[in-house]
Amino acid sequence: MLGNDLGISRLGFGAMRITGRGVWGEPPDPTAARAVLRQAVELGVNFIDTADSYGPDVSERLIAEALHPYPADLVIATKGGSRRPGPGNWQPDGRPDHLRVACEGSLRRLRLEQIPLYQLHMVDASVPFAESIGTLAELRSEGTIRHIGLSSVTVEQIEQARAIVPVVSVQNRYNLVDRAAGEVLRHCERVGIAFICWSPLDRGHIARDTRRLQAIAEAHDAEPTQIALAWLLQRSPVTVPIPGTASSRHLVGNMAAGKIRLTTDEGAALDAYRPGARTILRQHARRSARRAVRFLRPSG
């Protein structure tokens, strides 16, 4: 739940990858990008995360083109507070006037009268944090946004923001191989707000360590990336992974991860997992393979 009034699917969809290379410009196939967005909703996703800086503007526009008028239960979250000078280049901009203009642009492109969840994309060290949050609080009071979220923040910044306005979510990088935000996750559990995992699949590390994850994956007739997502879902009741893709096949695979139930031994092995380490994953997987529930491998 976001703010006790918006129920969202535990597996969301991150809409960064439906843009061009370097998260810049149009995707190679806009028609396919729109089709993936529609397919995500058909597969049960009711939480889509985007940002004005994805493209810039491209991701938000494609979402509206593909899905507007929106299903009644669809929650669209977007972000403001960054600028894009070029491909692969991100710069924070938390100035109040910038946040207002960014929010207005997101409303227009998404064809919304109110944004369900608006997130501060980055903390701008050149702007007092309280000023940036204060602007979001004003937008909430004006009815432009329904709920406020934060991204890439510390526990201290969460509490500073919560002293100004209710915060319903935090979005930090967190996955099987990068747990630097573990303290933030635990804090979100304590205060009861959603922890949105961006970059939930560190595909580079997982690809290099496929053999170390393969035993557990085979026990569930799954792919290593699906196991990584299943672990995130079982890691905490407040985690909301948002894997993104422009591929229909990858989308189906990602969503199937929600059906996987890891055993206690498998969960413990994954908790102890570190990329490149000689791991006990195979030992745990061999013991549990015979009793593991098998799931159909996604087609395509």
C-alpha atoms as a PDB file:
ATOM      1  CA  MET A   1       0.000   0.000   0.000  1.00  0.00           C
ATOM      2  CA  LEU A   2       1.080   3.530  -0.760  1.00  0.00           C
ATOM      3  CA  GLY A   3      -0.258   5.927   1.823  1.00  0.00           C
ATOM      4  CA  ASN A   4      -2.913   3.425   2.946  1.00  0.00           C
ATOM      5  CA  ASP A   5      -5.056   4.156  -0.102  1.00  0.00           C
ATOM      6  CA  LEU A   6      -3.215   2.926  -3.217  1.00  0.00           C
ATOM      7  CA  GLY A   7      -2.706  -0.810  -3.572  1.00  0.00           C
ATOM      8  CA  ILE A   8       0.101  -1.710  -5.960  1.00  0.00           C
ATOM      9  CA  SER A   9       1.455  -4.966  -7.359  1.00  0.00           C
ATOM     10  CA  ARG A  10       4.600  -6.264  -5.632  1.00  0.00           C
ATOM     11  CA  LEU A  11       6.310  -6.451  -9.023  1.00  0.00           C
ATOM     12  CA  GLY A  12       6.173  -3.151 -10.840  1.00  0.00           C
ATOM     13  CA  PHE A  13       7.476  -2.068 -14.236  1.00  0.00           C
ATOM     14  CA  GLY A  14      10.379   0.352 -14.618  1.00  0.00           C
ATOM     15  CA  ALA A  15       9.898   2.409 -17.774  1.00  0.00           C
ATOM     16  CA  MET A  16      13.454   3.659 -18.228  1.00  0.00           C
ATOM     17  CA  ARG A  17      14.472   1.072 -20.821  1.00  0.00           C
ATOM     18  CA  ILE A  18      11.707   1.903 -23.294  1.00  0.00           C
ATOM     19  CA  THR A  19      13.722   4.940 -24.433  1.00  0.00           C
ATOM     20  CA  GLY A  20      16.784   5.139 -26.680  1.00  0.00           C
ATOM     21  CA  ARG A  21      20.376   4.188 -25.965  1.00  0.00           C
ATOM     22  CA  GLY A  22      21.760   5.941 -22.912  1.00  0.00           C
ATOM     23  CA  VAL A  23      18.159   6.601 -21.799  1.00  0.00           C
ATOM     24  CA  TRP A  24      18.141   9.264 -24.483  1.00  0.00           C
ATOM     25  CA  GLY A  25      15.729   9.905 -27.330  1.00  0.00           C
ATOM     26  CA  GLU A  26      13.202   7.637 -28.971  1.00  0.00           C
ATOM     27  CA  PRO A  27      13.412   3.848 -28.681  1.00  0.00           C
ATOM     28  CA  PRO A  28      14.481   1.898 -31.788  1.00  0.00           C
ATOM     29  CA  ASP A  29      10.912   0.592 -32.143  1.00  0.00           C
ATOM     30  CA  PRO A  30       8.273   2.849 -30.507  1.00  0.00           C
ATOM     31  CA  THR A  31       5.470   0.491 -31.532  1.00  0.00           C
ATOM     32  CA  ALA A  32       7.131  -2.390 -29.694  1.00  0.00           C
ATOM     33  CA  ALA A  33       7.732  -0.182 -26.650  1.00  0.00           C
ATOM     34  CA  ARG A  34       4.049   0.680 -26.455  1.00  0.00           C
ATOM     35  CA  ALA A  35       3.161  -2.991 -26.872  1.00  0.00           C
ATOM     36  CA  VAL A  36       5.390  -3.953 -23.920  1.00  0.00           C
ATOM     37  CA  LEU A  37       3.658  -1.370 -21.741  1.00  0.00           C
ATOM     38  CA  ARG A  38       0.240  -2.760 -22.640  1.00  0.00           C
ATOM     39  CA  GLN A  39       1.456  -6.303 -22.066  1.00  0.00           C
ATOM     40  CA  ALA A  40       2.761  -5.396 -18.607  1.00  0.00           C
ATOM     41  CA  VAL A  41      -0.717  -4.264 -17.577  1.00  0.00           C
ATOM     42  CA  GLU A  42      -2.257  -7.392 -19.126  1.00  0.00           C
ATOM     43  CA  LEU A  43       0.110  -9.504 -16.991  1.00  0.00           C
ATOM     44  CA  GLY A  44      -1.159  -7.871 -13.812  1.00  0.00           C
ATOM     45  CA  VAL A  45       1.221  -4.952 -13.292  1.00  0.00           C
ATOM     46  CA  ASN A  46      -0.590  -1.942 -11.850  1.00  0.00           C
ATOM     47  CA  PHE A  47       2.487   0.071 -10.853  1.00  0.00           C
ATOM     48  CA  ILE A  48       4.602   1.779 -13.521  1.00  0.00           C
ATOM     49  CA  ASP A  49       7.593   3.899 -12.574  1.00  0.00           C
ATOM     50  CA  THR A  50       9.001   6.548 -14.892  1.00  0.00           C
ATOM     51  CA  ALA A  51      10.620  10.019 -14.796  1.00  0.00           C
ATOM     52  CA  ASP A  52      10.600  13.209 -16.819  1.00  0.00           C
ATOM     53  CA  SER A  53      14.311  12.661 -17.469  1.00  0.00           C
ATOM     54  CA  TYR A  54      13.822   9.302 -19.228  1.00  0.00           C
ATOM     55  CA  GLY A  55      14.261  10.397 -22.811  1.00  0.00           C
ATOM     56  CA  PRO A  56      13.894  13.151 -21.629  1.00  0.00           C
ATOM     57  CA  ASP A  57      10.072  13.178 -21.800  1.00  0.00           C
ATOM     58  CA  VAL A  58       9.932  10.100 -24.053  1.00  0.00           C
ATOM     59  CA  SER A  59       9.012   7.492 -21.453  1.00  0.00           C
ATOM     60  CA  GLU A  60       6.112   9.509 -20.028  1.00  0.00           C
ATOM     61  CA  ARG A  61       4.743  10.231 -23.484  1.00  0.00           C
ATOM     62  CA  LEU A  62       4.896   6.579 -24.556  1.00  0.00           C
ATOM     63  CA  ILE A  63       3.068   5.519 -21.383  1.00  0.00           C
ATOM     64  CA  ALA A  64       0.196   7.860 -22.196  1.00  0.00           C
ATOM     65  CA  GLU A  65       0.129   6.818 -25.851  1.00  0.00           C
ATOM     66  CA  ALA A  66      -0.010   3.147 -24.898  1.00  0.00           C
ATOM     67  CA  LEU A  67      -2.311   3.159 -21.893  1.00  0.00           C
ATOM     68  CA  HIS A  68      -4.475   6.295 -21.734  1.00  0.00           C
ATOM     69  CA  PRO A  69      -7.296   6.247 -20.740  1.00  0.00           C
ATOM     70  CA  TYR A  70      -5.752   4.395 -17.830  1.00  0.00           C
ATOM     71  CA  PRO A  71      -7.234   1.399 -16.001  1.00  0.00           C
ATOM     72  CA  ALA A  72      -8.855   2.507 -12.757  1.00  0.00           C
ATOM     73  CA  ASP A  73      -6.317   0.697 -10.580  1.00  0.00           C
ATOM     74  CA  LEU A  74      -3.161   1.720 -12.474  1.00  0.00           C
ATOM     75  CA  VAL A  75      -0.713   3.711 -10.345  1.00  0.00           C
ATOM     76  CA  ILE A  76       1.783   5.765 -12.328  1.00  0.00           C
ATOM     77  CA  ALA A  77       4.789   7.065 -10.420  1.00  0.00           C
ATOM     78  CA  THR A  78       7.088   9.618 -11.954  1.00  0.00           C
ATOM     79  CA  LYS A  79      10.056  11.641 -10.776  1.00  0.00           C
ATOM     80  CA  GLY A  80      11.369  15.175 -11.063  1.00  0.00           C
ATOM     81  CA  GLY A  81      14.520  16.861  -9.881  1.00  0.00           C
ATOM     82  CA  SER A  82      17.140  16.036 -12.485  1.00  0.00           C
ATOM     83  CA  ARG A  83      18.326  17.381 -15.836  1.00  0.00           C
ATOM     84  CA  ARG A  84      19.751  15.538 -18.843  1.00  0.00           C
ATOM     85  CA  PRO A  85      22.463  17.410 -20.758  1.00  0.00           C
ATOM     86  CA  GLY A  86      23.059  14.375 -22.972  1.00  0.00           C
ATOM     87  CA  PRO A  87      22.984  10.564 -23.281  1.00  0.00           C
ATOM     88  CA  GLY A  88      24.061   8.852 -20.082  1.00  0.00           C
ATOM     89  CA  ASN A  89      24.450  12.223 -18.349  1.00  0.00           C
ATOM     90  CA  TRP A  90      22.409  13.009 -15.213  1.00  0.00           C
ATOM     91  CA  GLN A  91      22.524  16.170 -13.129  1.00  0.00           C
ATOM     92  CA  PRO A  92      20.440  16.950 -10.037  1.00  0.00           C
ATOM     93  CA  ASP A  93      18.210  20.014 -10.030  1.00  0.00           C
ATOM     94  CA  GLY A  94      16.159  20.422  -6.869  1.00  0.00           C
ATOM     95  CA  ARG A  95      15.348  24.113  -7.270  1.00  0.00           C
ATOM     96  CA  PRO A  96      11.713  24.841  -6.410  1.00  0.00           C
ATOM     97  CA  ASP A  97      10.991  26.538  -9.746  1.00  0.00           C
ATOM     98  CA  HIS A  98      12.467  23.598 -11.651  1.00  0.00           C
ATOM     99  CA  LEU A  99      10.399  21.077  -9.670  1.00  0.00           C
ATOM    100  CA  ARG A 100       7.199  22.993 -10.408  1.00  0.00           C
ATOM    101  CA  VAL A 101       7.909  23.173 -14.128  1.00  0.00           C
ATOM    102  CA  ALA A 102       8.929  19.495 -14.185  1.00  0.00           C
ATOM    103  CA  CYS A 103       5.752  18.421 -12.437  1.00  0.00           C
ATOM    104  CA  GLU A 104       3.586  20.438 -14.812  1.00  0.00           C
ATOM    105  CA  GLY A 105       5.344  18.840 -17.775  1.00  0.00           C
ATOM    106  CA  SER A 106       4.793  15.350 -16.374  1.00  0.00           C
ATOM    107  CA  LEU A 107       1.091  16.052 -15.855  1.00  0.00           C
ATOM    108  CA  ARG A 108       0.788  17.177 -19.455  1.00  0.00           C
ATOM    109  CA  ARG A 109       2.700  14.280 -21.020  1.00  0.00           C
ATOM    110  CA  LEU A 110       1.012  11.626 -18.864  1.00  0.00           C
ATOM    111  CA  ARG A 111      -2.418  13.221 -19.459  1.00  0.00           C
ATOM    112  CA  LEU A 112      -3.147  13.233 -15.735  1.00  0.00           C
ATOM    113  CA  GLU A 113      -4.946  15.737 -13.542  1.00  0.00           C
ATOM    114  CA  GLN A 114      -3.093  14.412 -10.495  1.00  0.00           C
ATOM    115  CA  ILE A 115       0.081  12.333 -10.295  1.00  0.00           C
ATOM    116  CA  PRO A 116      -0.466   9.366  -7.930  1.00  0.00           C
ATOM    117  CA  LEU A 117       3.163   9.243  -6.747  1.00  0.00           C
ATOM    118  CA  TYR A 118       5.685  12.005  -7.405  1.00  0.00           C
ATOM    119  CA  GLN A 119       9.268  11.338  -6.342  1.00  0.00           C
ATOM    120  CA  LEU A 120      12.252  13.596  -5.840  1.00  0.00           C
ATOM    121  CA  HIS A 121      14.642  11.986  -8.316  1.00  0.00           C
ATOM    122  CA  MET A 122      17.927  13.152  -6.838  1.00  0.00           C
ATOM    123  CA  VAL A 123      19.103  15.179  -3.877  1.00  0.00           C
ATOM    124  CA  ASP A 124      20.622  18.428  -5.117  1.00  0.00           C
ATOM    125  CA  ALA A 125      23.490  19.392  -2.810  1.00  0.00           C
ATOM    126  CA  SER A 126      23.363  22.983  -4.092  1.00  0.00           C
ATOM    127  CA  VAL A 127      19.777  23.463  -2.878  1.00  0.00           C
ATOM    128  CA  PRO A 128      18.638  23.152   0.747  1.00  0.00           C
ATOM    129  CA  PHE A 129      16.911  19.770   0.976  1.00  0.00           C
ATOM    130  CA  ALA A 130      14.038  21.289   2.948  1.00  0.00           C
ATOM    131  CA  GLU A 131      13.320  23.694   0.057  1.00  0.00           C
ATOM    132  CA  SER A 132      13.005  20.865  -2.450  1.00  0.00           C
ATOM    133  CA  ILE A 133      10.748  18.844  -0.132  1.00  0.00           C
ATOM    134  CA  GLY A 134       8.777  21.949   0.755  1.00  0.00           C
ATOM    135  CA  THR A 135       7.947  22.460  -2.911  1.00  0.00           C
ATOM    136  CA  LEU A 136       6.642  18.899  -3.185  1.00  0.00           C
ATOM    137  CA  ALA A 137       4.584  19.500  -0.047  1.00  0.00           C
ATOM    138  CA  GLU A 138       3.061  22.584  -1.695  1.00  0.00           C
ATOM    139  CA  LEU A 139       2.235  20.603  -4.842  1.00  0.00           C
ATOM    140  CA  ARG A 140       0.557  17.981  -2.678  1.00  0.00           C
ATOM    141  CA  SER A 141      -1.490  20.608  -0.852  1.00  0.00           C
ATOM    142  CA  GLU A 142      -2.538  22.081  -4.196  1.00  0.00           C
ATOM    143  CA  GLY A 143      -3.763  18.656  -5.355  1.00  0.00           C
ATOM    144  CA  THR A 144      -1.257  18.344  -8.201  1.00  0.00           C
ATOM    145  CA  ILE A 145       0.269  15.215  -6.681  1.00  0.00           C
ATOM    146  CA  ARG A 146      -1.342  12.643  -4.416  1.00  0.00           C
ATOM    147  CA  HIS A 147       1.651  11.127  -2.647  1.00  0.00           C
ATOM    148  CA  ILE A 148       5.339  11.965  -2.268  1.00  0.00           C
ATOM    149  CA  GLY A 149       8.294   9.616  -2.613  1.00  0.00           C
ATOM    150  CA  LEU A 150      12.074   9.958  -2.438  1.00  0.00           C
ATOM    151  CA  SER A 151      14.862   8.433  -4.498  1.00  0.00           C
ATOM    152  CA  SER A 152      18.526   7.741  -3.755  1.00  0.00           C
ATOM    153  CA  VAL A 153      18.383   9.001  -0.171  1.00  0.00           C
ATOM    154  CA  THR A 154      19.796   8.201   3.244  1.00  0.00           C
ATOM    155  CA  VAL A 155      17.922   7.410   6.442  1.00  0.00           C
ATOM    156  CA  GLU A 156      18.665  10.919   7.706  1.00  0.00           C
ATOM    157  CA  GLN A 157      17.189  12.490   4.567  1.00  0.00           C
ATOM    158  CA  ILE A 158      14.084  10.319   4.855  1.00  0.00           C
ATOM    159  CA  GLU A 159      13.474  11.560   8.364  1.00  0.00           C
ATOM    160  CA  GLN A 160      14.195  15.145   7.401  1.00  0.00           C
ATOM    161  CA  ALA A 161      11.577  14.896   4.656  1.00  0.00           C
ATOM    162  CA  ARG A 162       9.058  13.134   6.894  1.00  0.00           C
ATOM    163  CA  ALA A 163       9.302  16.010   9.350  1.00  0.00           C
ATOM    164  CA  ILE A 164       7.917  18.248   6.573  1.00  0.00           C
ATOM    165  CA  VAL A 165       5.412  16.048   4.722  1.00  0.00           C
ATOM    166  CA  PRO A 166       4.217  12.415   4.675  1.00  0.00           C
ATOM    167  CA  VAL A 167       6.496  10.186   2.578  1.00  0.00           C
ATOM    168  CA  VAL A 168       5.014   6.933   1.252  1.00  0.00           C
ATOM    169  CA  SER A 169       7.958   5.425  -0.627  1.00  0.00           C
ATOM    170  CA  VAL A 170      11.714   5.383  -1.053  1.00  0.00           C
ATOM    171  CA  GLN A 171      13.390   4.266  -4.269  1.00  0.00           C
ATOM    172  CA  ASN A 172      17.033   3.211  -3.929  1.00  0.00           C
ATOM    173  CA  ARG A 173      19.269   0.851  -5.853  1.00  0.00           C
ATOM    174  CA  TYR A 174      19.052  -2.597  -4.274  1.00  0.00           C
ATOM    175  CA  ASN A 175      19.505  -6.087  -5.662  1.00  0.00           C
ATOM    176  CA  LEU A 176      21.062  -9.467  -4.965  1.00  0.00           C
ATOM    177  CA  VAL A 177      24.600  -8.213  -5.545  1.00  0.00           C
ATOM    178  CA  ASP A 178      24.296  -4.589  -4.369  1.00  0.00           C
ATOM    179  CA  ARG A 179      22.883  -4.215  -0.862  1.00  0.00           C
ATOM    180  CA  ALA A 180      24.439  -0.890   0.058  1.00  0.00           C
ATOM    181  CA  ALA A 181      20.957   0.465   0.799  1.00  0.00           C
ATOM    182  CA  GLY A 182      20.264  -2.255   3.372  1.00  0.00           C
ATOM    183  CA  GLU A 183      20.032   0.236   6.239  1.00  0.00           C
ATOM    184  CA  VAL A 184      17.505   2.296   4.270  1.00  0.00           C
ATOM    185  CA  LEU A 185      15.450  -0.837   3.572  1.00  0.00           C
ATOM    186  CA  ARG A 186      15.372  -1.730   7.254  1.00  0.00           C
ATOM    187  CA  HIS A 187      14.307   1.811   8.112  1.00  0.00           C
ATOM    188  CA  CYS A 188      11.463   1.646   5.583  1.00  0.00           C
ATOM    189  CA  GLU A 189      10.312  -1.568   7.255  1.00  0.00           C
ATOM    190  CA  ARG A 190      10.332   0.121  10.663  1.00  0.00           C
ATOM    191  CA  VAL A 191       8.312   3.145   9.567  1.00  0.00           C
ATOM    192  CA  GLY A 192       6.038   1.234   7.182  1.00  0.00           C
ATOM    193  CA  ILE A 193       6.775   2.771   3.780  1.00  0.00           C
ATOM    194  CA  ALA A 194       7.391   1.069   0.454  1.00  0.00           C
ATOM    195  CA  PHE A 195      10.971   0.396  -0.645  1.00  0.00           C
ATOM    196  CA  ILE A 196      11.103   0.496  -4.444  1.00  0.00           C
ATOM    197  CA  CYS A 197      14.141  -1.387  -5.748  1.00  0.00           C
ATOM    198  CA  TRP A 198      15.599   0.265  -8.811  1.00  0.00           C
ATOM    199  CA  SER A 199      18.064  -1.763 -10.839  1.00  0.00           C
ATOM    200  CA  PRO A 200      16.668  -4.936  -9.220  1.00  0.00           C
ATOM    201  CA  LEU A 201      18.635  -7.066 -11.684  1.00  0.00           C
ATOM    202  CA  ASP A 202      22.348  -6.370 -11.839  1.00  0.00           C
ATOM    203  CA  ARG A 203      22.498  -8.279 -15.104  1.00  0.00           C
ATOM    204  CA  GLY A 204      26.243  -7.875 -15.498  1.00  0.00           C
ATOM    205  CA  HIS A 205      27.136  -9.579 -12.220  1.00  0.00           C
ATOM    206  CA  ILE A 206      24.340 -12.127 -12.474  1.00  0.00           C
ATOM    207  CA  ALA A 207      25.420 -13.051 -15.990  1.00  0.00           C
ATOM    208  CA  ARG A 208      28.985 -13.605 -14.802  1.00  0.00           C
ATOM    209  CA  ASP A 209      27.821 -15.697 -11.848  1.00  0.00           C
ATOM    210  CA  THR A 210      25.125 -17.667 -13.660  1.00  0.00           C
ATOM    211  CA  ARG A 211      26.616 -21.028 -12.700  1.00  0.00           C
ATOM    212  CA  ARG A 212      26.464 -20.137  -9.027  1.00  0.00           C
ATOM    213  CA  LEU A 213      22.754 -19.354  -9.288  1.00  0.00           C
ATOM    214  CA  GLN A 214      21.918 -22.075 -11.771  1.00  0.00           C
ATOM    215  CA  ALA A 215      21.315 -24.862  -9.252  1.00  0.00           C
ATOM    216  CA  ILE A 216      18.554 -22.992  -7.456  1.00  0.00           C
ATOM    217  CA  ALA A 217      17.173 -21.787 -10.790  1.00  0.00           C
ATOM    218  CA  GLU A 218      17.027 -25.344 -12.107  1.00  0.00           C
ATOM    219  CA  ALA A 219      15.197 -26.497  -8.965  1.00  0.00           C
ATOM    220  CA  HIS A 220      12.400 -24.090  -9.925  1.00  0.00           C
ATOM    221  CA  ASP A 221      12.678 -24.518 -13.705  1.00  0.00           C
ATOM    222  CA  ALA A 222      13.556 -20.831 -13.790  1.00  0.00           C
ATOM    223  CA  GLU A 223      16.252 -18.437 -14.944  1.00  0.00           C
ATOM    224  CA  PRO A 224      18.880 -16.926 -12.579  1.00  0.00           C
ATOM    225  CA  THR A 225      17.350 -13.469 -13.051  1.00  0.00           C
ATOM    226  CA  GLN A 226      13.975 -14.822 -11.930  1.00  0.00           C
ATOM    227  CA  ILE A 227      15.565 -16.213  -8.785  1.00  0.00           C
ATOM    228  CA  ALA A 228      17.136 -12.805  -8.109  1.00  0.00           C
ATOM    229  CA  LEU A 229      13.694 -11.171  -8.354  1.00  0.00           C
ATOM    230  CA  ALA A 230      12.047 -13.865  -6.223  1.00  0.00           C
ATOM    231  CA  TRP A 231      14.683 -13.241  -3.540  1.00  0.00           C
ATOM    232  CA  LEU A 232      13.895  -9.521  -3.533  1.00  0.00           C
ATOM    233  CA  LEU A 233      10.183 -10.218  -3.117  1.00  0.00           C
ATOM    234  CA  GLN A 234      10.849 -12.495  -0.155  1.00  0.00           C
ATOM    235  CA  ARG A 235      13.580 -10.296   1.322  1.00  0.00           C
ATOM    236  CA  SER A 236      11.070  -7.913   2.917  1.00  0.00           C
ATOM    237  CA  PRO A 237       7.320  -7.258   2.856  1.00  0.00           C
ATOM    238  CA  VAL A 238       7.960  -3.654   1.757  1.00  0.00           C
ATOM    239  CA  THR A 239      10.160  -4.343  -1.301  1.00  0.00           C
ATOM    240  CA  VAL A 240       8.746  -3.450  -4.718  1.00  0.00           C
ATOM    241  CA  PRO A 241      11.163  -4.472  -7.490  1.00  0.00           C
ATOM    242  CA  ILE A 242      10.628  -2.577 -10.758  1.00  0.00           C
ATOM    243  CA  PRO A 243      12.467  -4.539 -13.461  1.00  0.00           C
ATOM    244  CA  GLY A 244      12.426  -2.707 -16.772  1.00  0.00           C
ATOM    245  CA  THR A 245      12.705  -4.028 -20.284  1.00  0.00           C
ATOM    246  CA  ALA A 246      11.782  -3.280 -23.869  1.00  0.00           C
ATOM    247  CA  SER A 247      11.515  -7.013 -24.618  1.00  0.00           C
ATOM    248  CA  SER A 248       8.247  -8.927 -24.438  1.00  0.00           C
ATOM    249  CA  ARG A 249      10.130 -12.149 -23.670  1.00  0.00           C
ATOM    250  CA  HIS A 250      12.033 -10.591 -20.774  1.00  0.00           C
ATOM    251  CA  LEU A 251       8.834  -9.024 -19.453  1.00  0.00           C
ATOM    252  CA  VAL A 252       7.069 -12.399 -19.320  1.00  0.00           C
ATOM    253  CA  GLY A 253      10.068 -13.918 -17.561  1.00  0.00           C
ATOM    254  CA  ASN A 254      10.261 -11.117 -15.024  1.00  0.00           C
ATOM    255  CA  MET A 255       6.586 -11.355 -14.151  1.00  0.00           C
ATOM    256  CA  ALA A 256       6.790 -15.135 -13.745  1.00  0.00           C
ATOM    257  CA  ALA A 257       9.294 -14.596 -10.938  1.00  0.00           C
ATOM    258  CA  GLY A 258       6.383 -13.578  -8.737  1.00  0.00           C
ATOM    259  CA  LYS A 259       5.193 -17.204  -8.689  1.00  0.00           C
ATOM    260  CA  ILE A 260       8.453 -18.603  -7.354  1.00  0.00           C
ATOM    261  CA  ARG A 261       8.586 -19.498  -3.667  1.00  0.00           C
ATOM    262  CA  LEU A 262      12.095 -20.071  -2.396  1.00  0.00           C
ATOM    263  CA  THR A 263      12.680 -22.587   0.368  1.00  0.00           C
ATOM    264  CA  THR A 264      14.161 -21.544   3.689  1.00  0.00           C
ATOM    265  CA  ASP A 265      17.509 -23.092   2.703  1.00  0.00           C
ATOM    266  CA  GLU A 266      17.486 -21.337  -0.651  1.00  0.00           C
ATOM    267  CA  GLY A 267      16.638 -18.004   0.951  1.00  0.00           C
ATOM    268  CA  ALA A 268      19.467 -18.423   3.463  1.00  0.00           C
ATOM    269  CA  ALA A 269      21.900 -19.285   0.688  1.00  0.00           C
ATOM    270  CA  LEU A 270      20.897 -16.236  -1.300  1.00  0.00           C
ATOM    271  CA  ASP A 271      21.136 -14.043   1.796  1.00  0.00           C
ATOM    272  CA  ALA A 272      24.757 -15.183   2.080  1.00  0.00           C
ATOM    273  CA  TYR A 273      25.426 -14.784  -1.641  1.00  0.00           C
ATOM    274  CA  ARG A 274      28.170 -12.503  -2.844  1.00  0.00           C
ATOM    275  CA  PRO A 275      29.158 -12.206  -6.508  1.00  0.00           C
ATOM    276  CA  GLY A 276      32.251 -14.173  -7.411  1.00  0.00           C
ATOM    277  CA  ALA A 277      32.430 -16.006  -4.087  1.00  0.00           C
ATOM    278  CA  ARG A 278      32.611 -19.767  -3.740  1.00  0.00           C
ATOM    279  CA  THR A 279      29.087 -20.168  -2.580  1.00  0.00           C
ATOM    280  CA  ILE A 280      26.965 -22.718  -0.779  1.00  0.00           C
ATOM    281  CA  LEU A 281      24.148 -22.180  -3.249  1.00  0.00           C
ATOM    282  CA  ARG A 282      24.723 -25.490  -5.004  1.00  0.00           C
ATOM    283  CA  GLN A 283      24.733 -27.395  -1.711  1.00  0.00           C
ATOM    284  CA  HIS A 284      21.442 -25.881  -0.575  1.00  0.00           C
ATOM    285  CA  ALA A 285      19.906 -26.298  -4.014  1.00  0.00           C
ATOM    286  CA  ARG A 286      20.861 -29.975  -4.273  1.00  0.00           C
ATOM    287  CA  ARG A 287      19.240 -30.690  -0.916  1.00  0.00           C
ATOM    288  CA  SER A 288      16.060 -28.854  -1.820  1.00  0.00           C
ATOM    289  CA  ALA A 289      15.809 -29.723  -5.515  1.00  0.00           C
ATOM    290  CA  ARG A 290      13.830 -32.896  -4.982  1.00  0.00           C
ATOM    291  CA  ARG A 291      11.197 -31.170  -2.883  1.00  0.00           C
ATOM    292  CA  ALA A 292      11.096 -27.819  -4.695  1.00  0.00           C
ATOM    293  CA  VAL A 293       7.906 -26.788  -6.438  1.00  0.00           C
ATOM    294  CA  ARG A 294       8.485 -26.577 -10.174  1.00  0.00           C
ATOM    295  CA  PHE A 295       7.161 -23.724 -12.249  1.00  0.00           C
ATOM    296  CA  LEU A 296       6.669 -23.613 -16.000  1.00  0.00           C
ATOM    297  CA  ARG A 297       9.421 -21.761 -17.807  1.00  0.00           C
ATOM    298  CA  PRO A 298       7.889 -18.730 -19.557  1.00  0.00           C
ATOM    299  CA  SER A 299       7.395 -19.268 -23.270  1.00  0.00           C
ATOM    300  CA  GLY A 300       8.963 -17.090 -25.959  1.00  0.00           C
END
